[in-house]
C-alpha atoms as a PDB file:
ATOM      1  CA  UNK A   1     164.281  92.917  89.700  1.00  0.00           C
ATOM      2  CA  UNK A   2     163.940  93.676  93.273  1.00  0.00           C
ATOM      3  CA  UNK A   3     160.281  95.607  92.211  1.00  0.00           C
ATOM      4  CA  UNK A   4     159.414  92.602  90.462  1.00  0.00           C
ATOM      5  CA  UNK A   5     160.252  90.348  93.603  1.00  0.00           C
ATOM      6  CA  UNK A   6     158.580  92.710  96.105  1.00  0.00           C
ATOM      7  CA  UNK A   7     155.697  92.446  93.692  1.00  0.00           C
ATOM      8  CA  UNK A   8     155.679  88.620  93.112  1.00  0.00           C
ATOM      9  CA  UNK A   9     155.586  88.513  97.327  1.00  0.00           C
ATOM     10  CA  UNK A  10     152.396  90.511  97.731  1.00  0.00           C
ATOM     11  CA  UNK A  11     150.656  89.308  94.654  1.00  0.00           C
ATOM     12  CA  UNK A  12     151.231  85.779  96.372  1.00  0.00           C
ATOM     13  CA  UNK A  13     150.229  87.714  99.883  1.00  0.00           C
ATOM     14  CA  UNK A  14     146.719  88.969  97.902  1.00  0.00           C
ATOM     15  CA  UNK A  15     146.385  85.634  96.705  1.00  0.00           C
ATOM     16  CA  UNK A  16     146.154  83.978 100.037  1.00  0.00           C
ATOM     17  CA  UNK A  17     143.847  86.409 101.319  1.00  0.00           C
ATOM     18  CA  UNK A  18     141.882  86.351  98.880  1.00  0.00           C
ATOM     19  CA  UNK A  19     141.468  82.441  98.740  1.00  0.00           C
ATOM     20  CA  UNK A  20     140.699  82.705 102.383  1.00  0.00           C
ATOM     21  CA  UNK A  21     138.480  85.012 101.321  1.00  0.00           C
ATOM     22  CA  UNK A  22     136.403  82.727  98.966  1.00  0.00           C
ATOM     23  CA  UNK A  23     136.705  79.240 100.350  1.00  0.00           C
ATOM     24  CA  UNK A  24     137.181  79.890 104.078  1.00  0.00           C
ATOM     25  CA  UNK A  25     140.582  78.264 104.421  1.00  0.00           C
ATOM     26  CA  UNK A  26     143.446  79.885 104.036  1.00  0.00           C
ATOM     27  CA  UNK A  27     146.789  78.451 102.290  1.00  0.00           C
ATOM     28  CA  UNK A  28     148.758  80.139 105.062  1.00  0.00           C
ATOM     29  CA  UNK A  29     148.856  81.110 108.983  1.00  0.00           C
ATOM     30  CA  UNK A  30     148.348  84.117 110.212  1.00  0.00           C
ATOM     31  CA  UNK A  31     152.460  84.017 111.291  1.00  0.00           C
ATOM     32  CA  UNK A  32     153.018  82.925 107.538  1.00  0.00           C
ATOM     33  CA  UNK A  33     150.925  85.698 106.115  1.00  0.00           C
ATOM     34  CA  UNK A  34     153.236  88.456 108.558  1.00  0.00           C
ATOM     35  CA  UNK A  35     156.096  86.954 107.050  1.00  0.00           C
ATOM     36  CA  UNK A  36     155.671  87.155 103.848  1.00  0.00           C
ATOM     37  CA  UNK A  37     154.078  90.598 103.992  1.00  0.00           C
ATOM     38  CA  UNK A  38     157.076  91.691 106.275  1.00  0.00           C
ATOM     39  CA  UNK A  39     159.733  90.371 103.772  1.00  0.00           C
ATOM     40  CA  UNK A  40     157.388  91.792 100.482  1.00  0.00           C
ATOM     41  CA  UNK A  41     158.329  95.173 102.473  1.00  0.00           C
ATOM     42  CA  UNK A  42     161.752  94.613 103.163  1.00  0.00           C
ATOM     43  CA  UNK A  43     162.470  94.440  99.393  1.00  0.00           C
ATOM     44  CA  UNK A  44     160.335  97.003  98.197  1.00  0.00           C
ATOM     45  CA  UNK A  45     161.780  99.149 100.549  1.00  0.00           C
ATOM     46  CA  UNK A  46     165.448  97.794  99.779  1.00  0.00           C
ATOM     47  CA  UNK A  47     164.192  98.602  95.626  1.00  0.00           C
ATOM     48  CA  UNK A  48     163.579 102.092  96.404  1.00  0.00           C
ATOM     49  CA  UNK A  49     166.842 102.851  98.235  1.00  0.00           C
ATOM     50  CA  UNK A  50     168.904 101.362  95.522  1.00  0.00           C
ATOM     51  CA  UNK A  51     166.465 103.543  92.571  1.00  0.00           C
ATOM     52  CA  UNK A  52     167.100 106.608  94.570  1.00  0.00           C
ATOM     53  CA  UNK A  53     171.314 105.841  95.042  1.00  0.00           C
ATOM     54  CA  UNK A  54     171.427 105.252  91.052  1.00  0.00           C
ATOM     55  CA  UNK A  55     169.711 108.053  90.574  1.00  0.00           C
ATOM     56  CA  UNK A  56     171.615 110.488  92.863  1.00  0.00           C
ATOM     57  CA  UNK A  57     174.664 108.521  91.664  1.00  0.00           C
ATOM     58  CA  UNK A  58     173.139 109.881  87.273  1.00  0.00           C
ATOM     59  CA  UNK A  59     172.365 113.439  88.659  1.00  0.00           C
ATOM     60  CA  UNK A  60     176.202 113.726  90.036  1.00  0.00           C
ATOM     61  CA  UNK A  61     177.813 112.544  87.401  1.00  0.00           C
ATOM     62  CA  UNK A  62     175.371 114.888  84.833  1.00  0.00           C
ATOM     63  CA  UNK A  63     176.472 117.658  86.988  1.00  0.00           C
END
């Protein structure tokens, strides 16, 4: 779920960049773009940490 949310936020960022390069007018301001990319990065990092914790606990149960 976290990976999907991070991907969705990153897709919104890429869509804004593409929109800005085609039309010359971006939907979001520079600060909003930065916050969107920051949120995607934080959520992706949390998803990685959660996945690692689940894998570690699964490995400990099998040992």
